[in-house]
Amino acid sequence: MTHAQTLPTQSPKGLVLSRNVGEEIIIGDNIIVKVIEIRKGIVRLLVDAPREMNVDRREIAEKIAKDGQRDKLNQALHAQSERHSAALDSAIVPTESPGESQELL
């Protein structure tokens, strides 16, 4: 389904799973959804999926479908990711002194 198509307004029938914090579900060969926190009725999920796969909250997917803004969103997210990577790179502290090398066992 592309985002340009209308999203269903009622819940589809399908598999209903119960999971506890730390437990995962696997979708296909390369998507993992892990429950990382449940607090005050809010469930936080970690979705591990290939970069080329769009993973959106419903309200974001509906806005993208309505506005046709997928390319702009991807560009903004890519720029944000690049800034984050650059910040991490500048924060890395070497673990060995100059001239020393770590011996592999």
PDB file of N, CA and C in Angstrom:
ATOM      1  N   MET A   1       0.843  -1.177   0.000  1.00  0.00           N
ATOM      2  CA  MET A   1       0.000   0.000   0.000  1.00  0.00           C
ATOM      3  C   MET A   1       0.886   1.238   0.000  1.00  0.00           C
ATOM      4  N   THR A   2       0.620   2.159  -0.862  1.00  0.00           N
ATOM      5  CA  THR A   2       1.357   3.414  -0.852  1.00  0.00           C
ATOM      6  C   THR A   2       0.636   4.403   0.034  1.00  0.00           C
ATOM      7  N   HIS A   3       1.356   5.432   0.458  1.00  0.00           N
ATOM      8  CA  HIS A   3       0.748   6.426   1.338  1.00  0.00           C
ATOM      9  C   HIS A   3      -0.293   7.264   0.602  1.00  0.00           C
ATOM     10  N   ALA A   4      -0.267   7.261  -0.714  1.00  0.00           N
ATOM     11  CA  ALA A   4      -1.244   8.036  -1.465  1.00  0.00           C
ATOM     12  C   ALA A   4      -2.628   7.397  -1.395  1.00  0.00           C
ATOM     13  N   GLN A   5      -2.682   6.115  -1.072  1.00  0.00           N
ATOM     14  CA  GLN A   5      -3.966   5.448  -0.943  1.00  0.00           C
ATOM     15  C   GLN A   5      -4.615   5.821   0.376  1.00  0.00           C
ATOM     16  N   THR A   6      -5.934   5.716   0.417  1.00  0.00           N
ATOM     17  CA  THR A   6      -6.661   6.001   1.644  1.00  0.00           C
ATOM     18  C   THR A   6      -6.388   4.913   2.670  1.00  0.00           C
ATOM     19  N   LEU A   7      -6.083   5.329   3.892  1.00  0.00           N
ATOM     20  CA  LEU A   7      -5.835   4.378   4.963  1.00  0.00           C
ATOM     21  C   LEU A   7      -7.166   3.923   5.543  1.00  0.00           C
ATOM     22  N   PRO A   8      -7.258   2.683   5.994  1.00  0.00           N
ATOM     23  CA  PRO A   8      -8.516   2.198   6.558  1.00  0.00           C
ATOM     24  C   PRO A   8      -8.893   3.002   7.804  1.00  0.00           C
ATOM     25  N   THR A   9     -10.195   3.248   7.977  1.00  0.00           N
ATOM     26  CA  THR A   9     -10.647   4.018   9.135  1.00  0.00           C
ATOM     27  C   THR A   9     -11.043   3.115  10.289  1.00  0.00           C
ATOM     28  N   GLN A  10     -11.273   1.853  10.040  1.00  0.00           N
ATOM     29  CA  GLN A  10     -11.591   0.939  11.130  1.00  0.00           C
ATOM     30  C   GLN A  10     -10.477  -0.082  11.261  1.00  0.00           C
ATOM     31  N   SER A  11     -10.380  -0.667  12.424  1.00  0.00           N
ATOM     32  CA  SER A  11      -9.316  -1.633  12.665  1.00  0.00           C
ATOM     33  C   SER A  11      -9.505  -2.863  11.795  1.00  0.00           C
ATOM     34  N   PRO A  12      -8.443  -3.262  11.087  1.00  0.00           N
ATOM     35  CA  PRO A  12      -8.542  -4.494  10.303  1.00  0.00           C
ATOM     36  C   PRO A  12      -8.543  -5.698  11.232  1.00  0.00           C
ATOM     37  N   LYS A  13      -9.139  -6.760  10.771  1.00  0.00           N
ATOM     38  CA  LYS A  13      -9.088  -8.000  11.540  1.00  0.00           C
ATOM     39  C   LYS A  13      -7.714  -8.620  11.331  1.00  0.00           C
ATOM     40  N   GLY A  14      -7.176  -9.174  12.376  1.00  0.00           N
ATOM     41  CA  GLY A  14      -5.852  -9.749  12.248  1.00  0.00           C
ATOM     42  C   GLY A  14      -5.417 -10.361  13.557  1.00  0.00           C
ATOM     43  N   LEU A  15      -4.156 -10.579  13.675  1.00  0.00           N
ATOM     44  CA  LEU A  15      -3.559 -11.204  14.841  1.00  0.00           C
ATOM     45  C   LEU A  15      -3.436 -10.191  15.978  1.00  0.00           C
ATOM     46  N   VAL A  16      -3.911 -10.543  17.156  1.00  0.00           N
ATOM     47  CA  VAL A  16      -3.775  -9.703  18.348  1.00  0.00           C
ATOM     48  C   VAL A  16      -2.775 -10.386  19.272  1.00  0.00           C
ATOM     49  N   LEU A  17      -1.729  -9.656  19.647  1.00  0.00           N
ATOM     50  CA  LEU A  17      -0.670 -10.214  20.486  1.00  0.00           C
ATOM     51  C   LEU A  17      -0.565  -9.458  21.788  1.00  0.00           C
ATOM     52  N   SER A  18      -0.235 -10.150  22.837  1.00  0.00           N
ATOM     53  CA  SER A  18       0.083  -9.533  24.114  1.00  0.00           C
ATOM     54  C   SER A  18       1.585  -9.658  24.318  1.00  0.00           C
ATOM     55  N   ARG A  19       2.230  -8.577  24.701  1.00  0.00           N
ATOM     56  CA  ARG A  19       3.675  -8.568  24.928  1.00  0.00           C
ATOM     57  C   ARG A  19       3.967  -7.808  26.200  1.00  0.00           C
ATOM     58  N   ASN A  20       5.007  -8.195  26.880  1.00  0.00           N
ATOM     59  CA  ASN A  20       5.503  -7.488  28.050  1.00  0.00           C
ATOM     60  C   ASN A  20       6.732  -6.682  27.670  1.00  0.00           C
ATOM     61  N   VAL A  21       7.149  -5.776  28.533  1.00  0.00           N
ATOM     62  CA  VAL A  21       8.345  -4.982  28.287  1.00  0.00           C
ATOM     63  C   VAL A  21       9.525  -5.915  28.018  1.00  0.00           C
ATOM     64  N   GLY A  22      10.275  -5.602  26.973  1.00  0.00           N
ATOM     65  CA  GLY A  22      11.435  -6.398  26.593  1.00  0.00           C
ATOM     66  C   GLY A  22      11.130  -7.491  25.584  1.00  0.00           C
ATOM     67  N   GLU A  23       9.858  -7.795  25.372  1.00  0.00           N
ATOM     68  CA  GLU A  23       9.492  -8.842  24.417  1.00  0.00           C
ATOM     69  C   GLU A  23       9.333  -8.251  23.019  1.00  0.00           C
ATOM     70  N   GLU A  24       9.471  -9.111  22.028  1.00  0.00           N
ATOM     71  CA  GLU A  24       9.469  -8.675  20.635  1.00  0.00           C
ATOM     72  C   GLU A  24       8.455  -9.456  19.818  1.00  0.00           C
ATOM     73  N   ILE A  25       8.096  -8.856  18.684  1.00  0.00           N
ATOM     74  CA  ILE A  25       7.402  -9.598  17.635  1.00  0.00           C
ATOM     75  C   ILE A  25       8.223  -9.416  16.366  1.00  0.00           C
ATOM     76  N   ILE A  26       8.178 -10.412  15.518  1.00  0.00           N
ATOM     77  CA  ILE A  26       8.922 -10.379  14.264  1.00  0.00           C
ATOM     78  C   ILE A  26       7.925 -10.389  13.119  1.00  0.00           C
ATOM     79  N   ILE A  27       8.121  -9.452  12.181  1.00  0.00           N
ATOM     80  CA  ILE A  27       7.264  -9.356  10.998  1.00  0.00           C
ATOM     81  C   ILE A  27       8.131  -9.681   9.792  1.00  0.00           C
ATOM     82  N   GLY A  28       7.773 -10.728   9.081  1.00  0.00           N
ATOM     83  CA  GLY A  28       8.576 -11.139   7.934  1.00  0.00           C
ATOM     84  C   GLY A  28       9.965 -11.555   8.377  1.00  0.00           C
ATOM     85  N   ASP A  29      10.941 -11.296   7.502  1.00  0.00           N
ATOM     86  CA  ASP A  29      12.318 -11.698   7.788  1.00  0.00           C
ATOM     87  C   ASP A  29      13.163 -10.594   8.402  1.00  0.00           C
ATOM     88  N   ASN A  30      12.684  -9.334   8.321  1.00  0.00           N
ATOM     89  CA  ASN A  30      13.601  -8.259   8.690  1.00  0.00           C
ATOM     90  C   ASN A  30      12.970  -7.101   9.466  1.00  0.00           C
ATOM     91  N   ILE A  31      11.842  -7.328  10.117  1.00  0.00           N
ATOM     92  CA  ILE A  31      11.234  -6.275  10.929  1.00  0.00           C
ATOM     93  C   ILE A  31      11.013  -6.824  12.336  1.00  0.00           C
ATOM     94  N   ILE A  32      11.509  -6.092  13.321  1.00  0.00           N
ATOM     95  CA  ILE A  32      11.336  -6.468  14.726  1.00  0.00           C
ATOM     96  C   ILE A  32      10.682  -5.295  15.438  1.00  0.00           C
ATOM     97  N   VAL A  33       9.651  -5.590  16.195  1.00  0.00           N
ATOM     98  CA  VAL A  33       8.977  -4.592  17.027  1.00  0.00           C
ATOM     99  C   VAL A  33       9.163  -5.039  18.472  1.00  0.00           C
ATOM    100  N   LYS A  34       9.759  -4.166  19.281  1.00  0.00           N
ATOM    101  CA  LYS A  34      10.053  -4.505  20.672  1.00  0.00           C
ATOM    102  C   LYS A  34       9.359  -3.510  21.599  1.00  0.00           C
ATOM    103  N   VAL A  35       8.714  -4.019  22.642  1.00  0.00           N
ATOM    104  CA  VAL A  35       8.096  -3.174  23.656  1.00  0.00           C
ATOM    105  C   VAL A  35       9.216  -2.721  24.587  1.00  0.00           C
ATOM    106  N   ILE A  36       9.455  -1.403  24.647  1.00  0.00           N
ATOM    107  CA  ILE A  36      10.548  -0.929  25.492  1.00  0.00           C
ATOM    108  C   ILE A  36      10.066  -0.271  26.780  1.00  0.00           C
ATOM    109  N   GLU A  37       8.789   0.142  26.814  1.00  0.00           N
ATOM    110  CA  GLU A  37       8.287   0.762  28.038  1.00  0.00           C
ATOM    111  C   GLU A  37       6.761   0.820  27.999  1.00  0.00           C
ATOM    112  N   ILE A  38       6.159   0.627  29.151  1.00  0.00           N
ATOM    113  CA  ILE A  38       4.718   0.844  29.314  1.00  0.00           C
ATOM    114  C   ILE A  38       4.575   1.683  30.578  1.00  0.00           C
ATOM    115  N   ARG A  39       4.055   2.905  30.404  1.00  0.00           N
ATOM    116  CA  ARG A  39       3.912   3.805  31.546  1.00  0.00           C
ATOM    117  C   ARG A  39       2.642   4.636  31.388  1.00  0.00           C
ATOM    118  N   LYS A  40       1.787   4.596  32.398  1.00  0.00           N
ATOM    119  CA  LYS A  40       0.543   5.364  32.423  1.00  0.00           C
ATOM    120  C   LYS A  40      -0.286   5.145  31.160  1.00  0.00           C
ATOM    121  N   GLY A  41      -0.384   3.908  30.728  1.00  0.00           N
ATOM    122  CA  GLY A  41      -1.199   3.576  29.570  1.00  0.00           C
ATOM    123  C   GLY A  41      -0.558   3.883  28.231  1.00  0.00           C
ATOM    124  N   ILE A  42       0.674   4.344  28.230  1.00  0.00           N
ATOM    125  CA  ILE A  42       1.396   4.652  26.986  1.00  0.00           C
ATOM    126  C   ILE A  42       2.409   3.537  26.737  1.00  0.00           C
ATOM    127  N   VAL A  43       2.383   2.979  25.542  1.00  0.00           N
ATOM    128  CA  VAL A  43       3.309   1.917  25.162  1.00  0.00           C
ATOM    129  C   VAL A  43       4.353   2.506  24.229  1.00  0.00           C
ATOM    130  N   ARG A  44       5.621   2.340  24.570  1.00  0.00           N
ATOM    131  CA  ARG A  44       6.708   2.786  23.692  1.00  0.00           C
ATOM    132  C   ARG A  44       7.263   1.570  22.986  1.00  0.00           C
ATOM    133  N   LEU A  45       7.348   1.663  21.659  1.00  0.00           N
ATOM    134  CA  LEU A  45       7.823   0.571  20.823  1.00  0.00           C
ATOM    135  C   LEU A  45       9.097   0.968  20.107  1.00  0.00           C
ATOM    136  N   LEU A  46       9.986   0.011  19.946  1.00  0.00           N
ATOM    137  CA  LEU A  46      11.149   0.177  19.101  1.00  0.00           C
ATOM    138  C   LEU A  46      10.880  -0.633  17.839  1.00  0.00           C
ATOM    139  N   VAL A  47      10.958   0.009  16.678  1.00  0.00           N
ATOM    140  CA  VAL A  47      10.742  -0.685  15.409  1.00  0.00           C
ATOM    141  C   VAL A  47      12.079  -0.741  14.682  1.00  0.00           C
ATOM    142  N   ASP A  48      12.572  -1.941  14.474  1.00  0.00           N
ATOM    143  CA  ASP A  48      13.820  -2.159  13.752  1.00  0.00           C
ATOM    144  C   ASP A  48      13.451  -2.689  12.370  1.00  0.00           C
ATOM    145  N   ALA A  49      13.571  -1.810  11.364  1.00  0.00           N
ATOM    146  CA  ALA A  49      13.191  -2.159   9.998  1.00  0.00           C
ATOM    147  C   ALA A  49      14.233  -1.594   9.036  1.00  0.00           C
ATOM    148  N   PRO A  50      14.309  -2.143   7.836  1.00  0.00           N
ATOM    149  CA  PRO A  50      15.258  -1.609   6.844  1.00  0.00           C
ATOM    150  C   PRO A  50      14.996  -0.129   6.584  1.00  0.00           C
ATOM    151  N   ARG A  51      16.062   0.637   6.355  1.00  0.00           N
ATOM    152  CA  ARG A  51      15.941   2.081   6.111  1.00  0.00           C
ATOM    153  C   ARG A  51      15.003   2.414   4.951  1.00  0.00           C
ATOM    154  N   GLU A  52      14.962   1.550   3.953  1.00  0.00           N
ATOM    155  CA  GLU A  52      14.138   1.860   2.778  1.00  0.00           C
ATOM    156  C   GLU A  52      12.647   1.654   3.041  1.00  0.00           C
ATOM    157  N   MET A  53      12.302   1.114   4.198  1.00  0.00           N
ATOM    158  CA  MET A  53      10.899   0.886   4.534  1.00  0.00           C
ATOM    159  C   MET A  53      10.366   2.056   5.345  1.00  0.00           C
ATOM    160  N   ASN A  54       9.225   2.597   4.933  1.00  0.00           N
ATOM    161  CA  ASN A  54       8.592   3.684   5.669  1.00  0.00           C
ATOM    162  C   ASN A  54       7.886   3.121   6.896  1.00  0.00           C
ATOM    163  N   VAL A  55       8.205   3.692   8.055  1.00  0.00           N
ATOM    164  CA  VAL A  55       7.540   3.325   9.302  1.00  0.00           C
ATOM    165  C   VAL A  55       7.036   4.630   9.908  1.00  0.00           C
ATOM    166  N   ASP A  56       5.730   4.794   9.964  1.00  0.00           N
ATOM    167  CA  ASP A  56       5.130   6.039  10.438  1.00  0.00           C
ATOM    168  C   ASP A  56       4.020   5.757  11.430  1.00  0.00           C
ATOM    169  N   ARG A  57       3.784   6.724  12.325  1.00  0.00           N
ATOM    170  CA  ARG A  57       2.564   6.695  13.124  1.00  0.00           C
ATOM    171  C   ARG A  57       1.409   6.997  12.171  1.00  0.00           C
ATOM    172  N   ARG A  58       0.211   6.519  12.487  1.00  0.00           N
ATOM    173  CA  ARG A  58      -0.937   6.696  11.601  1.00  0.00           C
ATOM    174  C   ARG A  58      -1.161   8.161  11.255  1.00  0.00           C
ATOM    175  N   GLU A  59      -1.120   9.058  12.258  1.00  0.00           N
ATOM    176  CA  GLU A  59      -1.418  10.466  11.981  1.00  0.00           C
ATOM    177  C   GLU A  59      -0.396  11.091  11.036  1.00  0.00           C
ATOM    178  N   ILE A  60       0.845  10.637  11.110  1.00  0.00           N
ATOM    179  CA  ILE A  60       1.875  11.121  10.188  1.00  0.00           C
ATOM    180  C   ILE A  60       1.630  10.554   8.794  1.00  0.00           C
ATOM    181  N   ALA A  61       1.316   9.266   8.711  1.00  0.00           N
ATOM    182  CA  ALA A  61       1.039   8.635   7.416  1.00  0.00           C
ATOM    183  C   ALA A  61      -0.148   9.317   6.721  1.00  0.00           C
ATOM    184  N   GLU A  62      -1.182   9.646   7.507  1.00  0.00           N
ATOM    185  CA  GLU A  62      -2.350  10.311   6.923  1.00  0.00           C
ATOM    186  C   GLU A  62      -1.992  11.702   6.417  1.00  0.00           C
ATOM    187  N   LYS A  63      -1.169  12.434   7.171  1.00  0.00           N
ATOM    188  CA  LYS A  63      -0.741  13.769   6.730  1.00  0.00           C
ATOM    189  C   LYS A  63       0.096  13.670   5.462  1.00  0.00           C
ATOM    190  N   ILE A  64       0.984  12.690   5.419  1.00  0.00           N
ATOM    191  CA  ILE A  64       1.817  12.494   4.224  1.00  0.00           C
ATOM    192  C   ILE A  64       0.934  12.154   3.029  1.00  0.00           C
ATOM    193  N   ALA A  65      -0.032  11.260   3.236  1.00  0.00           N
ATOM    194  CA  ALA A  65      -0.938  10.873   2.144  1.00  0.00           C
ATOM    195  C   ALA A  65      -1.742  12.080   1.670  1.00  0.00           C
ATOM    196  N   LYS A  66      -2.176  12.894   2.599  1.00  0.00           N
ATOM    197  CA  LYS A  66      -2.983  14.073   2.259  1.00  0.00           C
ATOM    198  C   LYS A  66      -2.151  15.129   1.537  1.00  0.00           C
ATOM    199  N   ASP A  67      -0.972  15.411   2.062  1.00  0.00           N
ATOM    200  CA  ASP A  67      -0.156  16.494   1.540  1.00  0.00           C
ATOM    201  C   ASP A  67       0.819  16.066   0.449  1.00  0.00           C
ATOM    202  N   GLY A  68       1.043  14.754   0.327  1.00  0.00           N
ATOM    203  CA  GLY A  68       2.025  14.280  -0.652  1.00  0.00           C
ATOM    204  C   GLY A  68       3.422  14.784  -0.324  1.00  0.00           C
ATOM    205  N   GLN A  69       3.766  14.796   0.959  1.00  0.00           N
ATOM    206  CA  GLN A  69       5.022  15.392   1.395  1.00  0.00           C
ATOM    207  C   GLN A  69       6.109  14.376   1.716  1.00  0.00           C
ATOM    208  N   ARG A  70       6.027  13.157   1.244  1.00  0.00           N
ATOM    209  CA  ARG A  70       7.001  12.123   1.601  1.00  0.00           C
ATOM    210  C   ARG A  70       8.434  12.555   1.272  1.00  0.00           C
ATOM    211  N   ASP A  71       8.673  13.116   0.087  1.00  0.00           N
ATOM    212  CA  ASP A  71      10.047  13.480  -0.277  1.00  0.00           C
ATOM    213  C   ASP A  71      10.609  14.550   0.652  1.00  0.00           C
ATOM    214  N   LYS A  72       9.795  15.567   0.974  1.00  0.00           N
ATOM    215  CA  LYS A  72      10.259  16.621   1.884  1.00  0.00           C
ATOM    216  C   LYS A  72      10.543  16.057   3.269  1.00  0.00           C
ATOM    217  N   LEU A  73       9.684  15.165   3.743  1.00  0.00           N
ATOM    218  CA  LEU A  73       9.890  14.553   5.049  1.00  0.00           C
ATOM    219  C   LEU A  73      11.175  13.740   5.051  1.00  0.00           C
ATOM    220  N   ASN A  74      11.400  12.938   4.013  1.00  0.00           N
ATOM    221  CA  ASN A  74      12.623  12.135   3.935  1.00  0.00           C
ATOM    222  C   ASN A  74      13.867  13.018   3.910  1.00  0.00           C
ATOM    223  N   GLN A  75      13.814  14.135   3.184  1.00  0.00           N
ATOM    224  CA  GLN A  75      14.951  15.052   3.141  1.00  0.00           C
ATOM    225  C   GLN A  75      15.224  15.655   4.511  1.00  0.00           C
ATOM    226  N   ALA A  76      14.167  16.053   5.207  1.00  0.00           N
ATOM    227  CA  ALA A  76      14.331  16.633   6.545  1.00  0.00           C
ATOM    228  C   ALA A  76      14.899  15.608   7.516  1.00  0.00           C
ATOM    229  N   LEU A  77      14.392  14.373   7.460  1.00  0.00           N
ATOM    230  CA  LEU A  77      14.893  13.328   8.350  1.00  0.00           C
ATOM    231  C   LEU A  77      16.344  12.979   8.042  1.00  0.00           C
ATOM    232  N   HIS A  78      16.702  12.964   6.755  1.00  0.00           N
ATOM    233  CA  HIS A  78      18.083  12.683   6.363  1.00  0.00           C
ATOM    234  C   HIS A  78      19.008  13.778   6.892  1.00  0.00           C
ATOM    235  N   ALA A  79      18.600  15.038   6.755  1.00  0.00           N
ATOM    236  CA  ALA A  79      19.413  16.153   7.244  1.00  0.00           C
ATOM    237  C   ALA A  79      19.573  16.068   8.751  1.00  0.00           C
ATOM    238  N   GLN A  80      18.503  15.730   9.449  1.00  0.00           N
ATOM    239  CA  GLN A  80      18.556  15.588  10.908  1.00  0.00           C
ATOM    240  C   GLN A  80      19.506  14.455  11.288  1.00  0.00           C
ATOM    241  N   SER A  81      19.438  13.335  10.573  1.00  0.00           N
ATOM    242  CA  SER A  81      20.309  12.196  10.841  1.00  0.00           C
ATOM    243  C   SER A  81      21.774  12.568  10.610  1.00  0.00           C
ATOM    244  N   GLU A  82      22.045  13.320   9.551  1.00  0.00           N
ATOM    245  CA  GLU A  82      23.410  13.750   9.258  1.00  0.00           C
ATOM    246  C   GLU A  82      23.951  14.647  10.374  1.00  0.00           C
ATOM    247  N   ARG A  83      23.113  15.586  10.856  1.00  0.00           N
ATOM    248  CA  ARG A  83      23.534  16.473  11.946  1.00  0.00           C
ATOM    249  C   ARG A  83      23.810  15.656  13.206  1.00  0.00           C
ATOM    250  N   HIS A  84      22.959  14.663  13.483  1.00  0.00           N
ATOM    251  CA  HIS A  84      23.132  13.817  14.665  1.00  0.00           C
ATOM    252  C   HIS A  84      24.430  13.017  14.560  1.00  0.00           C
ATOM    253  N   SER A  85      24.689  12.445  13.386  1.00  0.00           N
ATOM    254  CA  SER A  85      25.923  11.673  13.183  1.00  0.00           C
ATOM    255  C   SER A  85      27.157  12.548  13.352  1.00  0.00           C
ATOM    256  N   ALA A  86      27.102  13.772  12.821  1.00  0.00           N
ATOM    257  CA  ALA A  86      28.234  14.688  12.945  1.00  0.00           C
ATOM    258  C   ALA A  86      28.475  15.047  14.403  1.00  0.00           C
ATOM    259  N   ALA A  87      27.406  15.255  15.163  1.00  0.00           N
ATOM    260  CA  ALA A  87      27.542  15.568  16.588  1.00  0.00           C
ATOM    261  C   ALA A  87      28.157  14.395  17.342  1.00  0.00           C
ATOM    262  N   LEU A  88      27.742  13.175  17.001  1.00  0.00           N
ATOM    263  CA  LEU A  88      28.315  11.993  17.651  1.00  0.00           C
ATOM    264  C   LEU A  88      29.789  11.835  17.301  1.00  0.00           C
ATOM    265  N   ASP A  89      30.131  12.062  16.028  1.00  0.00           N
ATOM    266  CA  ASP A  89      31.522  11.938  15.603  1.00  0.00           C
ATOM    267  C   ASP A  89      32.421  12.912  16.357  1.00  0.00           C
ATOM    268  N   SER A  90      31.938  14.125  16.584  1.00  0.00           N
ATOM    269  CA  SER A  90      32.758  15.121  17.264  1.00  0.00           C
ATOM    270  C   SER A  90      32.860  14.841  18.762  1.00  0.00           C
ATOM    271  N   ALA A  91      31.961  14.008  19.285  1.00  0.00           N
ATOM    272  CA  ALA A  91      31.969  13.709  20.715  1.00  0.00           C
ATOM    273  C   ALA A  91      32.773  12.455  21.051  1.00  0.00           C
ATOM    274  N   ILE A  92      33.274  11.747  20.045  1.00  0.00           N
ATOM    275  CA  ILE A  92      34.025  10.511  20.284  1.00  0.00           C
ATOM    276  C   ILE A  92      35.403  10.845  20.827  1.00  0.00           C
ATOM    277  N   VAL A  93      35.756  10.209  21.935  1.00  0.00           N
ATOM    278  CA  VAL A  93      37.049  10.430  22.580  1.00  0.00           C
ATOM    279  C   VAL A  93      37.915   9.205  22.333  1.00  0.00           C
ATOM    280  N   PRO A  94      39.142   9.408  21.847  1.00  0.00           N
ATOM    281  CA  PRO A  94      40.021   8.244  21.612  1.00  0.00           C
ATOM    282  C   PRO A  94      40.263   7.479  22.905  1.00  0.00           C
ATOM    283  N   THR A  95      40.358   6.158  22.821  1.00  0.00           N
ATOM    284  CA  THR A  95      40.559   5.322  24.010  1.00  0.00           C
ATOM    285  C   THR A  95      42.012   4.972  24.242  1.00  0.00           C
ATOM    286  N   GLU A  96      42.876   5.323  23.322  1.00  0.00           N
ATOM    287  CA  GLU A  96      44.289   5.025  23.507  1.00  0.00           C
ATOM    288  C   GLU A  96      45.114   6.269  23.243  1.00  0.00           C
ATOM    289  N   SER A  97      46.286   6.333  23.830  1.00  0.00           N
ATOM    290  CA  SER A  97      47.172   7.486  23.669  1.00  0.00           C
ATOM    291  C   SER A  97      47.819   7.433  22.296  1.00  0.00           C
ATOM    292  N   PRO A  98      48.215   8.597  21.775  1.00  0.00           N
ATOM    293  CA  PRO A  98      48.917   8.601  20.479  1.00  0.00           C
ATOM    294  C   PRO A  98      50.155   7.719  20.548  1.00  0.00           C
ATOM    295  N   GLY A  99      50.395   6.965  19.525  1.00  0.00           N
ATOM    296  CA  GLY A  99      51.548   6.092  19.461  1.00  0.00           C
ATOM    297  C   GLY A  99      51.314   4.702  20.029  1.00  0.00           C
ATOM    298  N   GLU A 100      50.258   4.523  20.806  1.00  0.00           N
ATOM    299  CA  GLU A 100      49.940   3.211  21.353  1.00  0.00           C
ATOM    300  C   GLU A 100      48.998   2.504  20.400  1.00  0.00           C
ATOM    301  N   SER A 101      49.064   1.207  20.376  1.00  0.00           N
ATOM    302  CA  SER A 101      48.099   0.449  19.605  1.00  0.00           C
ATOM    303  C   SER A 101      47.547  -0.653  20.491  1.00  0.00           C
ATOM    304  N   GLN A 102      46.345  -1.044  20.200  1.00  0.00           N
ATOM    305  CA  GLN A 102      45.705  -2.082  21.003  1.00  0.00           C
ATOM    306  C   GLN A 102      46.002  -3.433  20.373  1.00  0.00           C
ATOM    307  N   GLU A 103      46.483  -4.355  21.191  1.00  0.00           N
ATOM    308  CA  GLU A 103      46.822  -5.675  20.681  1.00  0.00           C
ATOM    309  C   GLU A 103      45.575  -6.554  20.672  1.00  0.00           C
ATOM    310  N   LEU A 104      45.335  -7.224  19.565  1.00  0.00           N
ATOM    311  CA  LEU A 104      44.211  -8.132  19.447  1.00  0.00           C
ATOM    312  C   LEU A 104      44.604  -9.510  19.944  1.00  0.00           C
ATOM    313  N   LEU A 105      43.730 -10.115  20.723  1.00  0.00           N
ATOM    314  CA  LEU A 105      44.028 -11.461  21.245  1.00  0.00           C
ATOM    315  C   LEU A 105      43.480 -12.513  20.342  1.00  0.00           C
TER     316      LEU A 105
END
